[in-house]
PDB file of N, CA and C in Angstrom:
ATOM      1  N   MET A   1      -9.683   9.002 -20.631  1.00  0.00           N
ATOM      2  CA  MET A   1      -9.211   8.628 -19.304  1.00  0.00           C
ATOM      3  C   MET A   1      -8.642   9.870 -18.617  1.00  0.00           C
ATOM      4  N   ASN A   2      -9.061  10.137 -17.381  1.00  0.00           N
ATOM      5  CA  ASN A   2      -8.572  11.297 -16.638  1.00  0.00           C
ATOM      6  C   ASN A   2      -7.092  11.156 -16.320  1.00  0.00           C
ATOM      7  N   LYS A   3      -6.409  12.283 -16.306  1.00  0.00           N
ATOM      8  CA  LYS A   3      -4.983  12.294 -16.023  1.00  0.00           C
ATOM      9  C   LYS A   3      -4.727  12.039 -14.535  1.00  0.00           C
ATOM     10  N   ALA A   4      -3.697  11.251 -14.234  1.00  0.00           N
ATOM     11  CA  ALA A   4      -3.279  10.988 -12.858  1.00  0.00           C
ATOM     12  C   ALA A   4      -2.291  12.065 -12.417  1.00  0.00           C
ATOM     13  N   ASP A   5      -2.180  12.231 -11.103  1.00  0.00           N
ATOM     14  CA  ASP A   5      -1.183  13.165 -10.565  1.00  0.00           C
ATOM     15  C   ASP A   5       0.210  12.552 -10.596  1.00  0.00           C
ATOM     16  N   LEU A   6       0.282  11.250 -10.325  1.00  0.00           N
ATOM     17  CA  LEU A   6       1.556  10.555 -10.212  1.00  0.00           C
ATOM     18  C   LEU A   6       1.426   9.140 -10.740  1.00  0.00           C
ATOM     19  N   ALA A   7       2.447   8.698 -11.463  1.00  0.00           N
ATOM     20  CA  ALA A   7       2.528   7.301 -11.887  1.00  0.00           C
ATOM     21  C   ALA A   7       3.837   6.719 -11.367  1.00  0.00           C
ATOM     22  N   LEU A   8       3.734   5.592 -10.693  1.00  0.00           N
ATOM     23  CA  LEU A   8       4.907   4.837 -10.267  1.00  0.00           C
ATOM     24  C   LEU A   8       5.097   3.749 -11.318  1.00  0.00           C
ATOM     25  N   VAL A   9       6.227   3.746 -12.007  1.00  0.00           N
ATOM     26  CA  VAL A   9       6.448   2.791 -13.087  1.00  0.00           C
ATOM     27  C   VAL A   9       7.654   1.910 -12.790  1.00  0.00           C
ATOM     28  N   ASP A  10       7.783   0.817 -13.536  1.00  0.00           N
ATOM     29  CA  ASP A  10       8.852  -0.170 -13.361  1.00  0.00           C
ATOM     30  C   ASP A  10       8.920  -0.624 -11.906  1.00  0.00           C
ATOM     31  N   ALA A  11       7.751  -1.041 -11.385  1.00  0.00           N
ATOM     32  CA  ALA A  11       7.641  -1.434  -9.984  1.00  0.00           C
ATOM     33  C   ALA A  11       7.261  -2.901  -9.862  1.00  0.00           C
ATOM     34  N   ARG A  12       7.576  -3.488  -8.714  1.00  0.00           N
ATOM     35  CA  ARG A  12       7.091  -4.820  -8.335  1.00  0.00           C
ATOM     36  C   ARG A  12       6.009  -4.552  -7.303  1.00  0.00           C
ATOM     37  N   ILE A  13       4.751  -4.662  -7.692  1.00  0.00           N
ATOM     38  CA  ILE A  13       3.625  -4.237  -6.891  1.00  0.00           C
ATOM     39  C   ILE A  13       3.052  -5.410  -6.112  1.00  0.00           C
ATOM     40  N   VAL A  14       2.965  -5.248  -4.799  1.00  0.00           N
ATOM     41  CA  VAL A  14       2.402  -6.283  -3.931  1.00  0.00           C
ATOM     42  C   VAL A  14       0.886  -6.114  -3.913  1.00  0.00           C
ATOM     43  N   THR A  15       0.167  -7.177  -4.299  1.00  0.00           N
ATOM     44  CA  THR A  15      -1.298  -7.171  -4.298  1.00  0.00           C
ATOM     45  C   THR A  15      -1.770  -8.377  -3.492  1.00  0.00           C
ATOM     46  N   PRO A  16      -3.046  -8.432  -3.162  1.00  0.00           N
ATOM     47  CA  PRO A  16      -3.562  -9.617  -2.455  1.00  0.00           C
ATOM     48  C   PRO A  16      -3.387 -10.913  -3.255  1.00  0.00           C
ATOM     49  N   LEU A  17      -3.237 -10.788  -4.564  1.00  0.00           N
ATOM     50  CA  LEU A  17      -3.089 -11.972  -5.418  1.00  0.00           C
ATOM     51  C   LEU A  17      -1.642 -12.330  -5.718  1.00  0.00           C
ATOM     52  N   GLY A  18      -0.710 -11.519  -5.250  1.00  0.00           N
ATOM     53  CA  GLY A  18       0.704 -11.779  -5.496  1.00  0.00           C
ATOM     54  C   GLY A  18       1.415 -10.522  -5.970  1.00  0.00           C
ATOM     55  N   ILE A  19       2.628 -10.701  -6.452  1.00  0.00           N
ATOM     56  CA  ILE A  19       3.438  -9.575  -6.920  1.00  0.00           C
ATOM     57  C   ILE A  19       3.332  -9.499  -8.437  1.00  0.00           C
ATOM     58  N   ILE A  20       3.053  -8.291  -8.941  1.00  0.00           N
ATOM     59  CA  ILE A  20       2.999  -8.080 -10.377  1.00  0.00           C
ATOM     60  C   ILE A  20       4.011  -7.010 -10.769  1.00  0.00           C
ATOM     61  N   ASP A  21       4.528  -7.117 -11.964  1.00  0.00           N
ATOM     62  CA  ASP A  21       5.431  -6.098 -12.498  1.00  0.00           C
ATOM     63  C   ASP A  21       4.592  -5.109 -13.294  1.00  0.00           C
ATOM     64  N   GLY A  22       4.771  -3.822 -13.032  1.00  0.00           N
ATOM     65  CA  GLY A  22       3.978  -2.823 -13.741  1.00  0.00           C
ATOM     66  C   GLY A  22       4.060  -1.477 -13.083  1.00  0.00           C
ATOM     67  N   GLY A  23       2.897  -0.869 -12.876  1.00  0.00           N
ATOM     68  CA  GLY A  23       2.865   0.468 -12.313  1.00  0.00           C
ATOM     69  C   GLY A  23       1.589   0.749 -11.570  1.00  0.00           C
ATOM     70  N   VAL A  24       1.583   1.914 -10.922  1.00  0.00           N
ATOM     71  CA  VAL A  24       0.443   2.380 -10.136  1.00  0.00           C
ATOM     72  C   VAL A  24       0.205   3.840 -10.509  1.00  0.00           C
ATOM     73  N   ALA A  25      -1.067   4.198 -10.731  1.00  0.00           N
ATOM     74  CA  ALA A  25      -1.423   5.591 -10.998  1.00  0.00           C
ATOM     75  C   ALA A  25      -2.189   6.132  -9.797  1.00  0.00           C
ATOM     76  N   ILE A  26      -1.883   7.378  -9.413  1.00  0.00           N
ATOM     77  CA  ILE A  26      -2.467   8.002  -8.229  1.00  0.00           C
ATOM     78  C   ILE A  26      -3.062   9.355  -8.619  1.00  0.00           C
ATOM     79  N   ARG A  27      -4.298   9.593  -8.165  1.00  0.00           N
ATOM     80  CA  ARG A  27      -4.964  10.878  -8.381  1.00  0.00           C
ATOM     81  C   ARG A  27      -5.615  11.306  -7.081  1.00  0.00           C
ATOM     82  N   ASP A  28      -5.372  12.535  -6.677  1.00  0.00           N
ATOM     83  CA  ASP A  28      -5.957  13.080  -5.440  1.00  0.00           C
ATOM     84  C   ASP A  28      -5.672  12.194  -4.234  1.00  0.00           C
ATOM     85  N   GLY A  29      -4.472  11.627  -4.166  1.00  0.00           N
ATOM     86  CA  GLY A  29      -4.057  10.823  -3.025  1.00  0.00           C
ATOM     87  C   GLY A  29      -4.628   9.422  -2.996  1.00  0.00           C
ATOM     88  N   ARG A  30      -5.274   8.994  -4.081  1.00  0.00           N
ATOM     89  CA  ARG A  30      -5.879   7.659  -4.133  1.00  0.00           C
ATOM     90  C   ARG A  30      -5.369   6.894  -5.348  1.00  0.00           C
ATOM     91  N   ILE A  31      -5.195   5.600  -5.172  1.00  0.00           N
ATOM     92  CA  ILE A  31      -4.796   4.740  -6.286  1.00  0.00           C
ATOM     93  C   ILE A  31      -5.973   4.630  -7.243  1.00  0.00           C
ATOM     94  N   VAL A  32      -5.735   4.950  -8.520  1.00  0.00           N
ATOM     95  CA  VAL A  32      -6.804   4.879  -9.519  1.00  0.00           C
ATOM     96  C   VAL A  32      -6.572   3.779 -10.547  1.00  0.00           C
ATOM     97  N   ALA A  33      -5.357   3.249 -10.620  1.00  0.00           N
ATOM     98  CA  ALA A  33      -5.079   2.166 -11.564  1.00  0.00           C
ATOM     99  C   ALA A  33      -3.827   1.411 -11.134  1.00  0.00           C
ATOM    100  N   VAL A  34      -3.865   0.102 -11.341  1.00  0.00           N
ATOM    101  CA  VAL A  34      -2.717  -0.771 -11.101  1.00  0.00           C
ATOM    102  C   VAL A  34      -2.647  -1.726 -12.286  1.00  0.00           C
ATOM    103  N   GLY A  35      -1.466  -1.892 -12.839  1.00  0.00           N
ATOM    104  CA  GLY A  35      -1.346  -2.831 -13.954  1.00  0.00           C
ATOM    105  C   GLY A  35      -0.139  -2.549 -14.807  1.00  0.00           C
ATOM    106  N   ALA A  36      -0.213  -3.023 -16.037  1.00  0.00           N
ATOM    107  CA  ALA A  36       0.884  -2.802 -16.983  1.00  0.00           C
ATOM    108  C   ALA A  36       1.075  -1.301 -17.183  1.00  0.00           C
ATOM    109  N   VAL A  37       2.318  -0.876 -17.299  1.00  0.00           N
ATOM    110  CA  VAL A  37       2.621   0.547 -17.424  1.00  0.00           C
ATOM    111  C   VAL A  37       1.891   1.153 -18.621  1.00  0.00           C
ATOM    112  N   ASP A  38       1.802   0.428 -19.719  1.00  0.00           N
ATOM    113  CA  ASP A  38       1.139   0.949 -20.916  1.00  0.00           C
ATOM    114  C   ASP A  38      -0.364   1.140 -20.719  1.00  0.00           C
ATOM    115  N   ASP A  39      -0.952   0.496 -19.713  1.00  0.00           N
ATOM    116  CA  ASP A  39      -2.385   0.608 -19.452  1.00  0.00           C
ATOM    117  C   ASP A  39      -2.734   1.702 -18.457  1.00  0.00           C
ATOM    118  N   LEU A  40      -1.729   2.345 -17.860  1.00  0.00           N
ATOM    119  CA  LEU A  40      -1.981   3.403 -16.881  1.00  0.00           C
ATOM    120  C   LEU A  40      -2.384   4.691 -17.582  1.00  0.00           C
ATOM    121  N   PRO A  41      -3.186   5.538 -16.914  1.00  0.00           N
ATOM    122  CA  PRO A  41      -3.514   6.833 -17.513  1.00  0.00           C
ATOM    123  C   PRO A  41      -2.272   7.723 -17.544  1.00  0.00           C
ATOM    124  N   PRO A  42      -2.258   8.714 -18.419  1.00  0.00           N
ATOM    125  CA  PRO A  42      -1.137   9.660 -18.402  1.00  0.00           C
ATOM    126  C   PRO A  42      -1.080  10.361 -17.047  1.00  0.00           C
ATOM    127  N   ALA A  43       0.125  10.767 -16.652  1.00  0.00           N
ATOM    128  CA  ALA A  43       0.294  11.387 -15.335  1.00  0.00           C
ATOM    129  C   ALA A  43       1.118  12.661 -15.436  1.00  0.00           C
ATOM    130  N   THR A  44       0.829  13.584 -14.522  1.00  0.00           N
ATOM    131  CA  THR A  44       1.578  14.837 -14.450  1.00  0.00           C
ATOM    132  C   THR A  44       3.036  14.559 -14.085  1.00  0.00           C
ATOM    133  N   ASP A  45       3.264  13.688 -13.101  1.00  0.00           N
ATOM    134  CA  ASP A  45       4.612  13.310 -12.675  1.00  0.00           C
ATOM    135  C   ASP A  45       4.752  11.792 -12.750  1.00  0.00           C
ATOM    136  N   THR A  46       5.960  11.346 -13.060  1.00  0.00           N
ATOM    137  CA  THR A  46       6.254   9.913 -13.134  1.00  0.00           C
ATOM    138  C   THR A  46       7.500   9.629 -12.311  1.00  0.00           C
ATOM    139  N   TYR A  47       7.441   8.562 -11.530  1.00  0.00           N
ATOM    140  CA  TYR A  47       8.587   8.131 -10.734  1.00  0.00           C
ATOM    141  C   TYR A  47       8.968   6.732 -11.167  1.00  0.00           C
ATOM    142  N   ASP A  48      10.218   6.536 -11.570  1.00  0.00           N
ATOM    143  CA  ASP A  48      10.729   5.228 -11.970  1.00  0.00           C
ATOM    144  C   ASP A  48      11.204   4.495 -10.720  1.00  0.00           C
ATOM    145  N   CYS A  49      10.509   3.423 -10.359  1.00  0.00           N
ATOM    146  CA  CYS A  49      10.836   2.660  -9.152  1.00  0.00           C
ATOM    147  C   CYS A  49      12.029   1.739  -9.353  1.00  0.00           C
ATOM    148  N   LYS A  50      12.495   1.585 -10.590  1.00  0.00           N
ATOM    149  CA  LYS A  50      13.692   0.788 -10.914  1.00  0.00           C
ATOM    150  C   LYS A  50      13.605  -0.621 -10.335  1.00  0.00           C
ATOM    151  N   GLY A  51      12.406  -1.233 -10.456  1.00  0.00           N
ATOM    152  CA  GLY A  51      12.233  -2.616 -10.026  1.00  0.00           C
ATOM    153  C   GLY A  51      12.037  -2.821  -8.531  1.00  0.00           C
ATOM    154  N   LYS A  52      11.923  -1.729  -7.778  1.00  0.00           N
ATOM    155  CA  LYS A  52      11.719  -1.866  -6.327  1.00  0.00           C
ATOM    156  C   LYS A  52      10.284  -2.312  -6.017  1.00  0.00           C
ATOM    157  N   VAL A  53      10.098  -2.852  -4.823  1.00  0.00           N
ATOM    158  CA  VAL A  53       8.792  -3.321  -4.365  1.00  0.00           C
ATOM    159  C   VAL A  53       7.956  -2.132  -3.901  1.00  0.00           C
ATOM    160  N   VAL A  54       6.685  -2.114  -4.309  1.00  0.00           N
ATOM    161  CA  VAL A  54       5.728  -1.082  -3.889  1.00  0.00           C
ATOM    162  C   VAL A  54       4.634  -1.769  -3.078  1.00  0.00           C
ATOM    163  N   LEU A  55       4.466  -1.327  -1.836  1.00  0.00           N
ATOM    164  CA  LEU A  55       3.458  -1.888  -0.935  1.00  0.00           C
ATOM    165  C   LEU A  55       2.243  -0.969  -0.882  1.00  0.00           C
ATOM    166  N   PRO A  56       1.050  -1.524  -0.620  1.00  0.00           N
ATOM    167  CA  PRO A  56      -0.163  -0.704  -0.602  1.00  0.00           C
ATOM    168  C   PRO A  56      -0.431  -0.007   0.727  1.00  0.00           C
ATOM    169  N   GLY A  57       0.589   0.391   1.431  1.00  0.00           N
ATOM    170  CA  GLY A  57       0.401   1.077   2.712  1.00  0.00           C
ATOM    171  C   GLY A  57       1.670   1.028   3.525  1.00  0.00           C
ATOM    172  N   VAL A  58       1.559   1.459   4.753  1.00  0.00           N
ATOM    173  CA  VAL A  58       2.693   1.525   5.662  1.00  0.00           C
ATOM    174  C   VAL A  58       2.854   0.195   6.401  1.00  0.00           C
ATOM    175  N   VAL A  59       4.102  -0.216   6.596  1.00  0.00           N
ATOM    176  CA  VAL A  59       4.409  -1.390   7.410  1.00  0.00           C
ATOM    177  C   VAL A  59       4.937  -0.893   8.753  1.00  0.00           C
ATOM    178  N   ASP A  60       4.290  -1.309   9.841  1.00  0.00           N
ATOM    179  CA  ASP A  60       4.764  -0.963  11.182  1.00  0.00           C
ATOM    180  C   ASP A  60       5.406  -2.221  11.770  1.00  0.00           C
ATOM    181  N   PRO A  61       6.748  -2.260  11.824  1.00  0.00           N
ATOM    182  CA  PRO A  61       7.437  -3.478  12.249  1.00  0.00           C
ATOM    183  C   PRO A  61       7.581  -3.643  13.763  1.00  0.00           C
ATOM    184  N   HIS A  62       6.984  -2.738  14.538  1.00  0.00           N
ATOM    185  CA  HIS A  62       7.157  -2.820  15.994  1.00  0.00           C
ATOM    186  C   HIS A  62       5.884  -2.352  16.687  1.00  0.00           C
ATOM    187  N   VAL A  63       4.929  -3.255  16.827  1.00  0.00           N
ATOM    188  CA  VAL A  63       3.701  -2.912  17.535  1.00  0.00           C
ATOM    189  C   VAL A  63       3.538  -3.817  18.744  1.00  0.00           C
ATOM    190  N   HIS A  64       2.830  -3.335  19.733  1.00  0.00           N
ATOM    191  CA  HIS A  64       2.502  -4.110  20.927  1.00  0.00           C
ATOM    192  C   HIS A  64       0.984  -4.228  20.996  1.00  0.00           C
ATOM    193  N   LEU A  65       0.433  -5.203  20.305  1.00  0.00           N
ATOM    194  CA  LEU A  65      -1.006  -5.399  20.301  1.00  0.00           C
ATOM    195  C   LEU A  65      -1.440  -5.995  21.637  1.00  0.00           C
ATOM    196  N   GLY A  66      -2.583  -5.609  22.095  1.00  0.00           N
ATOM    197  CA  GLY A  66      -3.132  -6.173  23.319  1.00  0.00           C
ATOM    198  C   GLY A  66      -3.106  -5.196  24.465  1.00  0.00           C
ATOM    199  N   GLY A  67      -1.979  -4.659  24.794  1.00  0.00           N
ATOM    200  CA  GLY A  67      -1.820  -3.626  25.800  1.00  0.00           C
ATOM    201  C   GLY A  67      -2.640  -3.763  27.067  1.00  0.00           C
ATOM    202  N   GLY A  68      -2.670  -4.909  27.684  1.00  0.00           N
ATOM    203  CA  GLY A  68      -3.367  -5.072  28.952  1.00  0.00           C
ATOM    204  C   GLY A  68      -4.640  -5.884  28.858  1.00  0.00           C
ATOM    205  N   ALA A  69      -5.296  -5.860  27.723  1.00  0.00           N
ATOM    206  CA  ALA A  69      -6.492  -6.687  27.524  1.00  0.00           C
ATOM    207  C   ALA A  69      -6.056  -7.990  26.849  1.00  0.00           C
ATOM    208  N   PRO A  70      -6.845  -9.038  26.989  1.00  0.00           N
ATOM    209  CA  PRO A  70      -6.507 -10.276  26.284  1.00  0.00           C
ATOM    210  C   PRO A  70      -6.395 -10.027  24.778  1.00  0.00           C
ATOM    211  N   TYR A  71      -5.367 -10.586  24.213  1.00  0.00           N
ATOM    212  CA  TYR A  71      -5.020 -10.368  22.804  1.00  0.00           C
ATOM    213  C   TYR A  71      -6.215 -10.570  21.875  1.00  0.00           C
ATOM    214  N   HIS A  72      -6.947 -11.664  22.029  1.00  0.00           N
ATOM    215  CA  HIS A  72      -8.045 -11.965  21.119  1.00  0.00           C
ATOM    216  C   HIS A  72      -9.208 -10.969  21.240  1.00  0.00           C
ATOM    217  N   GLN A  73      -9.311 -10.267  22.346  1.00  0.00           N
ATOM    218  CA  GLN A  73     -10.405  -9.312  22.536  1.00  0.00           C
ATOM    219  C   GLN A  73     -10.122  -7.963  21.879  1.00  0.00           C
ATOM    220  N   ILE A  74      -8.869  -7.632  21.702  1.00  0.00           N
ATOM    221  CA  ILE A  74      -8.525  -6.289  21.237  1.00  0.00           C
ATOM    222  C   ILE A  74      -7.921  -6.277  19.831  1.00  0.00           C
ATOM    223  N   LEU A  75      -7.599  -7.450  19.292  1.00  0.00           N
ATOM    224  CA  LEU A  75      -6.931  -7.535  17.992  1.00  0.00           C
ATOM    225  C   LEU A  75      -7.720  -6.821  16.896  1.00  0.00           C
ATOM    226  N   ASP A  76      -9.019  -7.062  16.795  1.00  0.00           N
ATOM    227  CA  ASP A  76      -9.815  -6.433  15.739  1.00  0.00           C
ATOM    228  C   ASP A  76      -9.759  -4.911  15.811  1.00  0.00           C
ATOM    229  N   SER A  77     -10.015  -4.347  16.982  1.00  0.00           N
ATOM    230  CA  SER A  77     -10.062  -2.886  17.085  1.00  0.00           C
ATOM    231  C   SER A  77      -8.693  -2.261  16.824  1.00  0.00           C
ATOM    232  N   GLU A  78      -7.622  -2.909  17.245  1.00  0.00           N
ATOM    233  CA  GLU A  78      -6.291  -2.333  17.043  1.00  0.00           C
ATOM    234  C   GLU A  78      -5.864  -2.392  15.582  1.00  0.00           C
ATOM    235  N   THR A  79      -6.172  -3.480  14.887  1.00  0.00           N
ATOM    236  CA  THR A  79      -5.788  -3.557  13.478  1.00  0.00           C
ATOM    237  C   THR A  79      -6.685  -2.678  12.608  1.00  0.00           C
ATOM    238  N   ILE A  80      -7.951  -2.525  12.979  1.00  0.00           N
ATOM    239  CA  ILE A  80      -8.833  -1.596  12.268  1.00  0.00           C
ATOM    240  C   ILE A  80      -8.328  -0.164  12.439  1.00  0.00           C
ATOM    241  N   SER A  81      -7.894   0.178  13.637  1.00  0.00           N
ATOM    242  CA  SER A  81      -7.339   1.509  13.889  1.00  0.00           C
ATOM    243  C   SER A  81      -6.069   1.735  13.077  1.00  0.00           C
ATOM    244  N   ALA A  82      -5.227   0.728  12.996  1.00  0.00           N
ATOM    245  CA  ALA A  82      -4.004   0.837  12.195  1.00  0.00           C
ATOM    246  C   ALA A  82      -4.359   1.089  10.731  1.00  0.00           C
ATOM    247  N   ALA A  83      -5.300   0.315  10.192  1.00  0.00           N
ATOM    248  CA  ALA A  83      -5.694   0.471   8.793  1.00  0.00           C
ATOM    249  C   ALA A  83      -6.269   1.858   8.527  1.00  0.00           C
ATOM    250  N   ALA A  84      -7.024   2.399   9.468  1.00  0.00           N
ATOM    251  CA  ALA A  84      -7.598   3.735   9.300  1.00  0.00           C
ATOM    252  C   ALA A  84      -6.503   4.790   9.171  1.00  0.00           C
ATOM    253  N   GLY A  85      -5.349   4.520   9.756  1.00  0.00           N
ATOM    254  CA  GLY A  85      -4.221   5.441   9.664  1.00  0.00           C
ATOM    255  C   GLY A  85      -3.277   5.136   8.511  1.00  0.00           C
ATOM    256  N   GLY A  86      -3.628   4.171   7.652  1.00  0.00           N
ATOM    257  CA  GLY A  86      -2.795   3.851   6.493  1.00  0.00           C
ATOM    258  C   GLY A  86      -1.806   2.730   6.729  1.00  0.00           C
ATOM    259  N   VAL A  87      -1.831   2.133   7.917  1.00  0.00           N
ATOM    260  CA  VAL A  87      -0.933   1.014   8.237  1.00  0.00           C
ATOM    261  C   VAL A  87      -1.627  -0.276   7.788  1.00  0.00           C
ATOM    262  N   THR A  88      -1.076  -0.922   6.786  1.00  0.00           N
ATOM    263  CA  THR A  88      -1.702  -2.132   6.254  1.00  0.00           C
ATOM    264  C   THR A  88      -1.048  -3.412   6.721  1.00  0.00           C
ATOM    265  N   THR A  89       0.124  -3.303   7.349  1.00  0.00           N
ATOM    266  CA  THR A  89       0.828  -4.474   7.863  1.00  0.00           C
ATOM    267  C   THR A  89       1.412  -4.136   9.218  1.00  0.00           C
ATOM    268  N   VAL A  90       1.116  -4.965  10.216  1.00  0.00           N
ATOM    269  CA  VAL A  90       1.715  -4.800  11.541  1.00  0.00           C
ATOM    270  C   VAL A  90       2.474  -6.056  11.889  1.00  0.00           C
ATOM    271  N   ILE A  91       3.591  -5.870  12.564  1.00  0.00           N
ATOM    272  CA  ILE A  91       4.407  -6.994  13.006  1.00  0.00           C
ATOM    273  C   ILE A  91       4.505  -6.916  14.529  1.00  0.00           C
ATOM    274  N   GLN A  92       3.926  -7.894  15.167  1.00  0.00           N
ATOM    275  CA  GLN A  92       3.872  -7.936  16.633  1.00  0.00           C
ATOM    276  C   GLN A  92       5.272  -8.072  17.210  1.00  0.00           C
ATOM    277  N   TYR A  93       5.615  -7.205  18.152  1.00  0.00           N
ATOM    278  CA  TYR A  93       6.891  -7.260  18.847  1.00  0.00           C
ATOM    279  C   TYR A  93       6.665  -7.892  20.208  1.00  0.00           C
ATOM    280  N   ARG A  94       7.469  -8.855  20.531  1.00  0.00           N
ATOM    281  CA  ARG A  94       7.330  -9.522  21.830  1.00  0.00           C
ATOM    282  C   ARG A  94       8.588  -9.360  22.631  1.00  0.00           C
TER     283      ARG A  94
END
């Protein structure tokens, strides 16, 4: 198994299927493994999350979706643009 650059351990990891306790391994800026800490590849650096929640991207808690066009017409393009920039969760501000 190739060595990871960074391992986040003792984390509560948010996944599409729910929250799991374990770790995340990262190589070249990409997630290469998620799961039990013992199943992760060895890593150059390790960060102990001490039970904190790890999200798979950035949360933007203050967005104004729509910006002049009808909301339903622009929602897809705006959320796709957010995801391209690493924003995986947006919270509409009204």
